Amino acid sequence: MKFSYVDIRSGNATCALEVNGQKFEFHPTFHSDALGDFVSYLASIHPLCKLSWKDGAFHKINGGIEWHNGPYLLRWEFKRDFEDLEITITENQNPMVDRTKNTNFPRTVLKTKCNFNEFTLCVVKELDRVIKQRGILGYRQEWQNYTFPVDGFLALKYACLYKKPFEITKKQNGTSLEEELNLVIKNID
């Protein structure tokens, strides 16, 4: 299983996904917060990313998320069932680009199951690589309107490393900046 988010430049990126022997490549644009929505969506279904957070921090996203991919919209849907994750990716017509009804859409690109923890770990490793390569502000500079999804990244990384939720309620007035920075810097295997 592989997940990569590369070629981040001028509001475009390349996302490559390899799952169950199938390889896919997508090209989200800055018209949506592709990586931010994806990370928040994954965190919203991760049981360790919402237990200690205030209500609404990672609220459950029903119906999936959409990435603008130029001529079409790419809808990601996750259904978690304990250790299994069902991933459904569907292409839909993008009404911003083409207002004429296209009978080729919607079209299911992928519908598969995989191990939830393995998928999450692949995503977290890639997020770790992206933030260490580009930095928080460097990511924003390239992706234009949206910032790196630090909150979801930290919650997911902590869950992968320690198998427990990131306790933001330890301090009365917020989180520990030192703990957050140490978590960003920490390598994940």
Protein backbone atom coordinates (compact mmCIF):
# COMPACT_ATOMS: atom_id res chain seq x y z
CA MET A 1 0.00 0.00 0.00
CA LYS A 2 1.32 3.44 -0.93
CA PHE A 3 0.08 7.00 -0.66
CA SER A 4 2.00 9.99 -1.96
CA TYR A 5 1.22 13.66 -2.33
CA VAL A 6 3.89 15.23 -4.54
CA ASP A 7 4.53 17.90 -7.17
CA ILE A 8 2.87 20.52 -4.97
CA ARG A 9 3.25 23.72 -6.97
CA SER A 10 1.19 26.75 -7.92
CA GLY A 11 -2.02 25.27 -6.56
CA ASN A 12 -1.70 21.85 -8.18
CA ALA A 13 -0.50 18.54 -6.82
CA THR A 14 -0.22 14.89 -7.73
CA CYS A 15 -1.68 12.26 -5.44
CA ALA A 16 -0.71 8.66 -6.12
CA LEU A 17 -2.52 5.82 -4.42
CA GLU A 18 -1.64 2.16 -4.63
CA VAL A 19 -3.97 -0.24 -2.86
CA ASN A 20 -4.58 -3.95 -3.41
CA GLY A 21 -2.35 -3.98 -6.47
CA GLN A 22 -4.23 -1.14 -8.16
CA LYS A 23 -2.45 2.15 -8.94
CA PHE A 24 -4.20 5.49 -9.33
CA GLU A 25 -3.01 9.04 -9.89
CA PHE A 26 -5.06 12.17 -9.23
CA HIS A 27 -4.33 15.85 -9.78
CA PRO A 28 -6.17 18.06 -7.28
CA THR A 29 -6.18 21.83 -7.80
CA PHE A 30 -6.30 24.80 -5.43
CA HIS A 31 -10.06 25.16 -5.99
CA SER A 32 -10.43 22.83 -3.02
CA ASP A 33 -8.39 22.20 0.12
CA ALA A 34 -7.60 18.71 -1.12
CA LEU A 35 -5.01 17.62 1.45
CA GLY A 36 -6.66 19.48 4.33
CA ASP A 37 -10.09 17.99 3.63
CA PHE A 38 -8.57 14.53 3.16
CA VAL A 39 -6.67 14.64 6.47
CA SER A 40 -9.65 16.04 8.40
CA TYR A 41 -11.87 13.37 6.88
CA LEU A 42 -9.49 10.57 7.86
CA ALA A 43 -9.12 12.03 11.38
CA SER A 44 -12.91 12.26 11.69
CA ILE A 45 -13.27 8.49 11.36
CA HIS A 46 -10.21 7.60 13.44
CA PRO A 47 -11.39 6.64 16.94
CA LEU A 48 -8.25 8.02 18.59
CA CYS A 49 -8.51 11.42 16.91
CA LYS A 50 -11.77 12.48 18.47
CA LEU A 51 -12.01 11.03 21.95
CA SER A 52 -10.26 13.85 23.78
CA TRP A 53 -11.10 16.68 21.42
CA LYS A 54 -13.89 19.15 21.93
CA ASP A 55 -17.06 18.43 20.02
CA GLY A 56 -16.71 19.53 16.43
CA ALA A 57 -12.90 19.43 16.25
CA PHE A 58 -13.04 16.50 13.84
CA HIS A 59 -16.74 16.18 13.28
CA LYS A 60 -17.89 13.19 11.27
CA ILE A 61 -18.02 14.04 7.59
CA ASN A 62 -20.97 12.33 5.95
CA GLY A 63 -20.94 11.65 2.22
CA GLY A 64 -17.24 12.14 1.72
CA ILE A 65 -15.13 14.98 0.41
CA GLU A 66 -14.57 16.39 -3.06
CA TRP A 67 -11.39 17.40 -4.78
CA HIS A 68 -11.48 19.69 -7.78
CA ASN A 69 -9.47 17.93 -10.47
CA GLY A 70 -9.99 20.36 -13.32
CA PRO A 71 -12.55 18.86 -15.68
CA TYR A 72 -14.11 16.67 -12.99
CA LEU A 73 -14.69 16.40 -9.26
CA LEU A 74 -13.19 13.51 -7.37
CA ARG A 75 -15.28 12.24 -4.44
CA TRP A 76 -13.56 10.25 -1.67
CA GLU A 77 -15.70 8.18 0.67
CA PHE A 78 -14.41 6.21 3.64
CA LYS A 79 -16.36 3.62 5.61
CA ARG A 80 -14.52 2.20 8.59
CA ASP A 81 -15.53 -1.12 10.08
CA PHE A 82 -13.09 -1.86 12.91
CA GLU A 83 -9.83 -2.92 11.16
CA ASP A 84 -11.26 -2.59 7.65
CA LEU A 85 -11.55 0.58 5.61
CA GLU A 86 -13.69 0.69 2.51
CA ILE A 87 -12.50 3.34 0.08
CA THR A 88 -14.74 4.51 -2.74
CA ILE A 89 -13.48 7.07 -5.24
CA THR A 90 -15.91 8.46 -7.78
CA GLU A 91 -15.46 10.95 -10.61
CA ASN A 92 -18.27 13.44 -11.07
CA GLN A 93 -18.85 16.17 -13.59
CA ASN A 94 -17.49 19.55 -12.58
CA PRO A 95 -20.24 22.09 -13.28
CA MET A 96 -17.69 24.94 -13.04
CA VAL A 97 -15.93 23.57 -16.13
CA ASP A 98 -18.66 21.86 -18.14
CA ARG A 99 -22.35 22.74 -17.83
CA THR A 100 -23.47 20.32 -20.53
CA LYS A 101 -24.69 17.03 -19.05
CA ASN A 102 -21.99 14.39 -19.46
CA THR A 103 -23.40 10.86 -19.42
CA ASN A 104 -19.98 9.42 -18.50
CA PHE A 105 -20.42 10.69 -14.93
CA PRO A 106 -20.61 9.66 -12.20
CA ARG A 107 -17.99 6.97 -12.70
CA THR A 108 -16.57 4.79 -9.92
CA VAL A 109 -12.79 4.79 -10.13
CA LEU A 110 -12.10 2.62 -7.10
CA LYS A 111 -14.09 0.62 -4.58
CA THR A 112 -11.90 -1.54 -2.35
CA LYS A 113 -11.22 -2.56 1.22
CA CYS A 114 -7.91 -2.36 3.04
CA ASN A 115 -6.55 -2.36 6.56
CA PHE A 116 -7.51 0.90 8.27
CA ASN A 117 -4.36 1.20 10.39
CA GLU A 118 -2.03 0.43 7.47
CA PHE A 119 -3.75 3.04 5.31
CA THR A 120 -3.59 5.64 8.08
CA LEU A 121 0.09 4.92 8.67
CA CYS A 122 0.85 5.33 4.92
CA VAL A 123 -0.93 8.69 4.92
CA VAL A 124 0.82 9.88 8.11
CA LYS A 125 4.25 8.92 6.76
CA GLU A 126 3.55 10.94 3.62
CA LEU A 127 2.28 13.92 5.61
CA ASP A 128 5.42 13.69 7.72
CA ARG A 129 7.56 13.74 4.58
CA VAL A 130 5.64 16.70 3.10
CA ILE A 131 5.85 18.89 6.19
CA LYS A 132 9.53 18.13 6.73
CA GLN A 133 10.35 18.77 3.08
CA ARG A 134 8.28 21.92 2.59
CA GLY A 135 7.55 23.34 6.02
CA ILE A 136 4.23 24.82 7.09
CA LEU A 137 4.70 28.17 5.36
CA GLY A 138 6.38 26.59 2.33
CA TYR A 139 3.33 24.38 1.81
CA ARG A 140 1.04 27.43 2.03
CA GLN A 141 3.21 29.32 -0.47
CA GLU A 142 2.75 26.57 -3.05
CA TRP A 143 -0.85 25.60 -2.34
CA GLN A 144 -2.00 29.26 -2.27
CA ASN A 145 -5.28 29.54 -0.34
CA TYR A 146 -4.85 26.70 2.13
CA THR A 147 -2.42 25.80 4.87
CA PHE A 148 -0.91 22.46 5.80
CA PRO A 149 -3.46 20.49 7.90
CA VAL A 150 -1.42 20.59 11.12
CA ASP A 151 -4.25 19.70 13.51
CA GLY A 152 -5.32 16.53 11.71
CA PHE A 153 -1.70 15.58 11.03
CA LEU A 154 -0.73 15.86 14.71
CA ALA A 155 -3.77 13.89 15.86
CA LEU A 156 -3.20 11.11 13.32
CA LYS A 157 0.55 10.96 13.91
CA TYR A 158 0.10 10.74 17.66
CA ALA A 159 -2.49 7.97 17.23
CA CYS A 160 -0.13 6.01 14.95
CA LEU A 161 2.89 6.43 17.23
CA TYR A 162 1.32 5.92 20.64
CA LYS A 163 -2.00 4.16 19.97
CA LYS A 164 -3.85 6.72 22.11
CA PRO A 165 -5.41 10.15 21.58
CA PHE A 166 -3.39 13.34 21.75
CA GLU A 167 -4.47 14.79 25.09
CA ILE A 168 -5.11 18.44 24.35
CA THR A 169 -7.02 18.81 27.59
CA LYS A 170 -3.89 18.30 29.77
CA LYS A 171 -3.38 22.04 30.00
CA GLN A 172 -6.23 24.28 31.03
CA ASN A 173 -5.52 26.98 28.45
CA GLY A 174 -4.64 24.87 25.42
CA THR A 175 -1.97 22.54 24.21
CA SER A 176 1.75 22.30 24.83
CA LEU A 177 3.63 23.91 21.96
CA GLU A 178 6.74 21.98 22.98
CA GLU A 179 4.86 18.64 22.70
CA GLU A 180 3.41 19.65 19.34
CA LEU A 181 6.81 20.64 17.93
CA ASN A 182 8.41 17.46 19.25
CA LEU A 183 5.65 15.46 17.56
CA VAL A 184 6.24 17.24 14.24
CA ILE A 185 9.97 16.55 14.41
CA LYS A 186 9.69 12.95 15.63
CA ASN A 187 10.39 10.34 12.97
CA ILE A 188 7.75 7.73 12.27
CA ASP A 189 8.60 4.24 11.07
